[in-house]
Amino acid sequence: MLSAIFQRLNAIKNYVKRPYYEVRFQDQHKHVFARKIDKNNDELIKKVHHENEAMAKEEQHQYQSPVGITIDGQKTVYQAPHTFTDLTKIDAILSHKGYTSKMIQDTYQLLYQNYHYLSYPRSDDKTVTEAQFAELVQNSKKIASLVGVDLQLLTHLAPRKGLVEQSATHGANRPGSVVPNSLDDLRKPFNTKKQQDCAIDIYTLVAKAALAILGEDYEYQHITAHLTDYPEFQCSFNQPVKYNYKQIYHRGKLPQVGAPLGQQATSFIYSGANSKPSWPTKEWLYNRLDSFNDA
């Protein structure tokens, strides 16, 4: 943890902005066509990323503009929910509300140990057993009503492979065997408003993340295209079709439905720079630790 933070702080301290200018194309609906660049291919980077705008404009004159667009493919993709959370993710997600790690851990522990409103907190499991899944299904409508989830979205009541297994040590974090009658019940064990709010936020997060596995797969169209005369300029994007489980639980904003591809694209000069390393937040650190574990 200390090494990861130290390296990131050093990267921020030693960051030097290096602007560049690049020829790209764009259709009337703001879909951008650009060349794919391998970050390890210095020769291609030097060819595509110009040091000044004049050099980029000189390259721009080599291309006809506007130019036609060819669609390569349009594929329907289904994404199953893998939304179970764990204590470190809960900590990272809720830390911006001012809750300390200790408050989150202590609050979760009390809701589990004394009231059975939540499952065992320090579980490393990413799946649940068939019995735990059946309990979630049985309580799903009451839990959904409690945390504001549309009951009509809870239609995938069969166990999903990779989420429901025959055995697990504790099972992934989820609502417990006891469902509170109201969110106010979660306030009662705590004295301060901040602790009470923390309890409600923890329960709501865990509940929605678990209920999402009862939603249908997210469905979207993956569209790829290139410029007809300059096939190295490519574009790809996803077009949402049905949000399904993402309407139950999704970090950030839902993917937006965009305009279709146009028939022509016009060249322009894109001004960019090498990315500055982001500040090492708690969520960043936990994600880094997860990547180390996966490796």
Protein backbone atom coordinates (compact mmCIF):
# COMPACT_ATOMS: atom_id res chain seq x y z
CA MET A 1 0.00 0.00 0.00
CA LEU A 2 2.76 2.43 0.97
CA SER A 3 4.76 1.54 -2.13
CA ALA A 4 1.77 2.11 -4.44
CA ILE A 5 1.01 5.49 -2.86
CA PHE A 6 4.67 6.54 -2.91
CA GLN A 7 5.02 5.67 -6.59
CA ARG A 8 1.85 7.55 -7.50
CA LEU A 9 2.86 10.67 -5.52
CA ASN A 10 6.24 10.59 -7.24
CA ALA A 11 4.56 10.28 -10.63
CA ILE A 12 2.40 13.33 -9.84
CA LYS A 13 5.42 15.30 -8.57
CA ASN A 14 7.50 14.51 -11.68
CA TYR A 15 4.69 14.94 -14.20
CA VAL A 16 5.58 17.18 -17.13
CA LYS A 17 2.80 18.12 -19.51
CA ARG A 18 3.62 17.32 -23.13
CA PRO A 19 1.02 18.77 -25.50
CA TYR A 20 0.48 17.19 -28.90
CA TYR A 21 -1.65 17.77 -31.99
CA GLU A 22 -3.31 15.01 -33.96
CA VAL A 23 -5.41 14.71 -37.12
CA ARG A 24 -8.77 13.12 -36.45
CA PHE A 25 -12.15 12.97 -38.19
CA GLN A 26 -15.63 13.54 -36.84
CA ASP A 27 -19.11 13.02 -38.26
CA GLN A 28 -22.04 15.36 -37.69
CA HIS A 29 -23.07 13.41 -34.58
CA LYS A 30 -19.68 13.85 -32.86
CA HIS A 31 -18.46 10.29 -33.47
CA VAL A 32 -14.66 10.53 -33.69
CA PHE A 33 -12.42 8.50 -35.99
CA ALA A 34 -8.79 8.15 -34.93
CA ARG A 35 -5.84 5.85 -35.40
CA LYS A 36 -5.18 3.21 -32.76
CA ILE A 37 -1.82 3.86 -31.14
CA ASP A 38 0.25 1.31 -29.26
CA LYS A 39 1.82 3.20 -26.37
CA ASN A 40 5.01 1.18 -26.90
CA ASN A 41 5.26 2.06 -30.60
CA ASP A 42 7.40 5.21 -30.44
CA GLU A 43 7.63 5.46 -34.22
CA LEU A 44 3.86 5.54 -34.69
CA ILE A 45 3.40 7.94 -31.77
CA LYS A 46 5.88 10.34 -33.34
CA LYS A 47 4.07 10.07 -36.69
CA VAL A 48 0.59 10.69 -35.26
CA HIS A 49 1.29 13.04 -32.33
CA HIS A 50 2.80 16.25 -33.68
CA GLU A 51 4.74 18.66 -31.49
CA ASN A 52 2.95 21.71 -32.88
CA GLU A 53 -0.30 22.55 -34.64
CA ALA A 54 1.42 23.61 -37.88
CA MET A 55 2.85 20.11 -38.37
CA ALA A 56 -0.57 18.57 -37.75
CA LYS A 57 -2.18 20.90 -40.30
CA GLU A 58 0.45 19.94 -42.83
CA GLU A 59 -0.57 16.30 -42.41
CA GLN A 60 -4.24 17.26 -42.51
CA HIS A 61 -3.80 18.58 -46.07
CA GLN A 62 -2.94 15.03 -47.18
CA TYR A 63 -6.50 13.84 -46.57
CA GLN A 64 -9.68 14.44 -48.49
CA SER A 65 -12.40 15.95 -46.32
CA PRO A 66 -15.23 15.17 -45.88
CA VAL A 67 -14.87 11.45 -46.49
CA GLY A 68 -17.28 8.53 -46.43
CA ILE A 69 -17.86 6.13 -43.52
CA THR A 70 -18.04 2.34 -43.73
CA ILE A 71 -19.70 0.36 -40.94
CA ASP A 72 -17.72 -2.78 -40.12
CA GLY A 73 -20.09 -4.42 -37.70
CA GLN A 74 -23.01 -4.09 -35.33
CA LYS A 75 -23.12 -6.77 -32.67
CA THR A 76 -25.64 -7.28 -29.87
CA VAL A 77 -23.87 -7.84 -26.56
CA TYR A 78 -25.36 -9.05 -23.28
CA GLN A 79 -23.59 -8.20 -20.01
CA ALA A 80 -24.51 -10.16 -16.90
CA PRO A 81 -24.39 -8.44 -13.51
CA HIS A 82 -21.36 -9.05 -11.29
CA THR A 83 -22.27 -6.47 -8.71
CA PHE A 84 -21.70 -8.14 -5.34
CA THR A 85 -19.67 -5.74 -3.23
CA ASP A 86 -17.29 -6.26 -0.31
CA LEU A 87 -16.22 -4.29 2.74
CA THR A 88 -13.30 -2.55 1.03
CA LYS A 89 -15.48 -1.46 -1.89
CA ILE A 90 -18.17 -0.23 0.49
CA ASP A 91 -15.50 1.75 2.33
CA ALA A 92 -14.15 3.22 -0.91
CA ILE A 93 -17.58 4.10 -2.32
CA LEU A 94 -18.90 5.73 0.86
CA SER A 95 -15.69 7.46 1.96
CA HIS A 96 -16.61 10.63 0.02
CA LYS A 97 -19.52 11.10 2.44
CA GLY A 98 -17.07 11.62 5.29
CA TYR A 99 -17.45 8.25 6.98
CA THR A 100 -14.20 6.88 8.38
CA SER A 101 -13.14 3.30 7.68
CA LYS A 102 -13.68 2.48 11.36
CA MET A 103 -17.22 3.90 11.35
CA ILE A 104 -18.12 1.88 8.26
CA GLN A 105 -16.65 -1.33 9.69
CA ASP A 106 -18.20 -0.88 13.14
CA THR A 107 -21.59 0.06 11.71
CA TYR A 108 -21.67 -2.90 9.35
CA GLN A 109 -20.52 -5.25 12.13
CA LEU A 110 -23.30 -4.14 14.47
CA LEU A 111 -25.99 -4.47 11.78
CA TYR A 112 -24.72 -7.99 11.13
CA GLN A 113 -23.94 -9.24 14.62
CA ASN A 114 -26.81 -7.81 16.66
CA TYR A 115 -29.62 -7.57 14.11
CA HIS A 116 -28.80 -9.88 11.14
CA TYR A 117 -29.75 -7.09 8.75
CA LEU A 118 -26.58 -7.79 6.75
CA SER A 119 -24.43 -10.85 6.07
CA TYR A 120 -20.95 -11.47 7.49
CA PRO A 121 -18.94 -8.30 6.69
CA ARG A 122 -15.36 -9.53 6.13
CA SER A 123 -16.18 -12.12 3.51
CA ASP A 124 -13.83 -12.62 0.55
CA ASP A 125 -16.46 -14.58 -1.37
CA LYS A 126 -17.69 -13.22 -4.69
CA THR A 127 -20.52 -15.76 -4.97
CA VAL A 128 -23.40 -17.07 -2.86
CA THR A 129 -24.68 -20.58 -2.23
CA GLU A 130 -27.95 -21.86 -3.64
CA ALA A 131 -29.56 -21.52 -0.20
CA GLN A 132 -28.31 -17.93 0.18
CA PHE A 133 -29.58 -17.10 -3.29
CA ALA A 134 -32.98 -18.61 -2.47
CA GLU A 135 -33.15 -16.45 0.68
CA LEU A 136 -32.34 -13.34 -1.38
CA VAL A 137 -35.09 -14.19 -3.87
CA GLN A 138 -37.58 -14.83 -1.06
CA ASN A 139 -36.86 -11.45 0.58
CA SER A 140 -36.24 -9.51 -2.65
CA LYS A 141 -39.57 -7.71 -2.92
CA LYS A 142 -39.48 -6.47 0.65
CA ILE A 143 -35.84 -5.37 0.32
CA ALA A 144 -36.52 -3.69 -3.03
CA SER A 145 -39.46 -1.72 -1.61
CA LEU A 146 -37.24 -0.67 1.28
CA VAL A 147 -34.39 0.75 -0.86
CA GLY A 148 -36.44 2.09 -3.77
CA VAL A 149 -35.88 -0.54 -6.47
CA ASP A 150 -38.59 -1.15 -9.09
CA LEU A 151 -40.04 -4.61 -8.41
CA GLN A 152 -40.68 -5.13 -12.13
CA LEU A 153 -36.91 -5.27 -12.71
CA LEU A 154 -36.52 -8.37 -10.49
CA THR A 155 -37.27 -10.99 -13.13
CA HIS A 156 -34.12 -13.16 -13.29
CA LEU A 157 -34.91 -15.55 -10.47
CA ALA A 158 -32.80 -18.46 -11.69
CA PRO A 159 -29.24 -18.84 -10.33
CA ARG A 160 -26.55 -17.49 -12.65
CA LYS A 161 -23.38 -19.47 -13.25
CA GLY A 162 -20.44 -17.65 -11.70
CA LEU A 163 -22.64 -15.97 -9.09
CA VAL A 164 -24.30 -18.93 -7.40
CA GLU A 165 -22.18 -21.92 -6.38
CA GLN A 166 -22.80 -25.07 -4.37
CA SER A 167 -20.57 -23.92 -1.54
CA ALA A 168 -19.02 -20.76 -0.12
CA THR A 169 -17.33 -19.88 3.15
CA HIS A 170 -19.62 -17.01 4.14
CA GLY A 171 -21.11 -15.94 0.82
CA ALA A 172 -20.74 -12.53 -0.79
CA ASN A 173 -21.93 -9.43 1.08
CA ARG A 174 -25.72 -9.16 0.86
CA PRO A 175 -28.79 -8.34 2.96
CA GLY A 176 -29.13 -10.59 5.99
CA SER A 177 -31.85 -13.04 6.96
CA VAL A 178 -33.79 -10.30 8.77
CA VAL A 179 -35.28 -7.49 6.67
CA PRO A 180 -35.96 -4.24 8.55
CA ASN A 181 -39.53 -2.97 8.43
CA SER A 182 -38.28 0.46 7.40
CA LEU A 183 -35.01 2.32 6.95
CA ASP A 184 -35.73 4.02 10.29
CA ASP A 185 -35.11 0.66 11.97
CA LEU A 186 -31.49 1.00 10.86
CA ARG A 187 -31.19 4.27 12.78
CA LYS A 188 -32.28 2.91 16.14
CA PRO A 189 -29.00 1.24 17.25
CA PHE A 190 -26.98 4.45 16.73
CA ASN A 191 -26.82 7.71 18.68
CA THR A 192 -25.49 10.26 16.16
CA LYS A 193 -27.09 11.27 12.88
CA LYS A 194 -23.88 10.52 11.01
CA GLN A 195 -23.83 6.95 12.31
CA GLN A 196 -27.50 6.59 11.42
CA ASP A 197 -26.94 7.92 7.90
CA CYS A 198 -23.95 5.60 7.56
CA ALA A 199 -26.09 2.60 8.47
CA ILE A 200 -28.72 3.48 5.87
CA ASP A 201 -26.10 4.12 3.17
CA ILE A 202 -24.35 0.80 3.86
CA TYR A 203 -27.58 -1.19 3.79
CA THR A 204 -28.85 0.55 0.65
CA LEU A 205 -25.57 -0.02 -1.20
CA VAL A 206 -25.29 -3.69 -0.23
CA ALA A 207 -28.98 -4.33 -0.97
CA LYS A 208 -28.97 -2.76 -4.43
CA ALA A 209 -25.72 -4.48 -5.39
CA ALA A 210 -27.20 -7.84 -4.39
CA LEU A 211 -30.62 -7.23 -5.94
CA ALA A 212 -28.95 -6.39 -9.26
CA ILE A 213 -28.20 -10.08 -9.81
CA LEU A 214 -31.97 -10.58 -10.04
CA GLY A 215 -32.13 -8.18 -12.99
CA GLU A 216 -31.85 -9.19 -16.63
CA ASP A 217 -28.60 -8.75 -18.54
CA TYR A 218 -27.66 -5.29 -19.76
CA GLU A 219 -28.11 -5.26 -23.54
CA TYR A 220 -26.25 -2.99 -25.96
CA GLN A 221 -25.10 -2.73 -29.55
CA HIS A 222 -21.34 -2.61 -30.16
CA ILE A 223 -20.76 -0.69 -33.38
CA THR A 224 -17.46 -0.48 -35.28
CA ALA A 225 -16.66 1.58 -38.37
CA HIS A 226 -13.79 3.10 -40.36
CA LEU A 227 -13.26 5.83 -42.92
CA THR A 228 -13.83 4.35 -46.36
CA ASP A 229 -10.72 5.91 -47.94
CA TYR A 230 -8.55 5.87 -44.81
CA PRO A 231 -9.28 2.59 -42.99
CA GLU A 232 -6.65 3.26 -40.31
CA PHE A 233 -9.04 5.87 -38.88
CA GLN A 234 -11.48 3.85 -36.80
CA CYS A 235 -14.42 4.40 -34.50
CA SER A 236 -16.23 2.13 -32.07
CA PHE A 237 -18.95 2.81 -29.51
CA ASN A 238 -21.71 1.13 -27.54
CA GLN A 239 -25.37 1.96 -27.97
CA PRO A 240 -27.56 0.96 -24.99
CA VAL A 241 -30.67 -1.07 -25.85
CA LYS A 242 -31.99 -2.25 -22.46
CA TYR A 243 -30.47 -1.16 -19.15
CA ASN A 244 -32.10 -3.93 -17.11
CA TYR A 245 -29.91 -4.69 -14.03
CA LYS A 246 -28.07 -1.37 -14.37
CA GLN A 247 -31.32 0.35 -13.37
CA ILE A 248 -31.06 -1.48 -10.06
CA TYR A 249 -27.39 -0.80 -9.36
CA HIS A 250 -24.76 1.01 -11.40
CA ARG A 251 -21.80 3.15 -10.39
CA GLY A 252 -21.94 6.62 -11.95
CA LYS A 253 -24.28 7.71 -14.72
CA LEU A 254 -26.05 5.20 -16.93
CA PRO A 255 -24.62 4.89 -20.46
CA GLN A 256 -26.38 7.36 -22.72
CA VAL A 257 -28.16 6.52 -25.95
CA GLY A 258 -26.32 8.44 -28.67
CA ALA A 259 -27.00 9.38 -32.26
CA PRO A 260 -26.34 6.88 -35.07
CA LEU A 261 -23.26 7.11 -37.27
CA GLY A 262 -23.31 9.72 -39.99
CA GLN A 263 -22.47 9.08 -43.63
CA GLN A 264 -19.42 11.36 -43.78
CA ALA A 265 -16.71 12.63 -41.47
CA THR A 266 -14.66 15.84 -41.57
CA SER A 267 -11.05 16.22 -40.48
CA PHE A 268 -10.03 18.40 -37.53
CA ILE A 269 -6.99 18.98 -35.32
CA TYR A 270 -7.26 17.43 -31.91
CA SER A 271 -5.22 19.03 -29.14
CA GLY A 272 -4.21 16.67 -26.34
CA ALA A 273 -1.52 15.94 -23.77
CA ASN A 274 -0.09 13.03 -21.83
CA SER A 275 -2.37 12.19 -18.91
CA LYS A 276 -1.49 13.49 -15.47
CA PRO A 277 -1.60 10.73 -12.84
CA SER A 278 -4.73 10.96 -10.69
CA TRP A 279 -4.57 11.57 -6.94
CA PRO A 280 -4.33 8.33 -4.91
CA THR A 281 -7.78 8.18 -3.32
CA LYS A 282 -8.96 5.34 -1.10
CA GLU A 283 -10.97 3.88 -3.99
CA TRP A 284 -7.90 4.07 -6.26
CA LEU A 285 -5.81 2.26 -3.65
CA TYR A 286 -8.34 -0.54 -3.20
CA ASN A 287 -8.56 -1.01 -6.97
CA ARG A 288 -4.76 -1.23 -7.12
CA LEU A 289 -4.73 -3.86 -4.40
CA ASP A 290 -7.39 -5.83 -6.30
CA SER A 291 -5.25 -5.73 -9.45
CA PHE A 292 -2.26 -7.04 -7.47
CA ASN A 293 -4.39 -9.90 -6.14
CA ASP A 294 -5.70 -10.76 -9.63
CA ALA A 295 -2.14 -10.85 -10.96
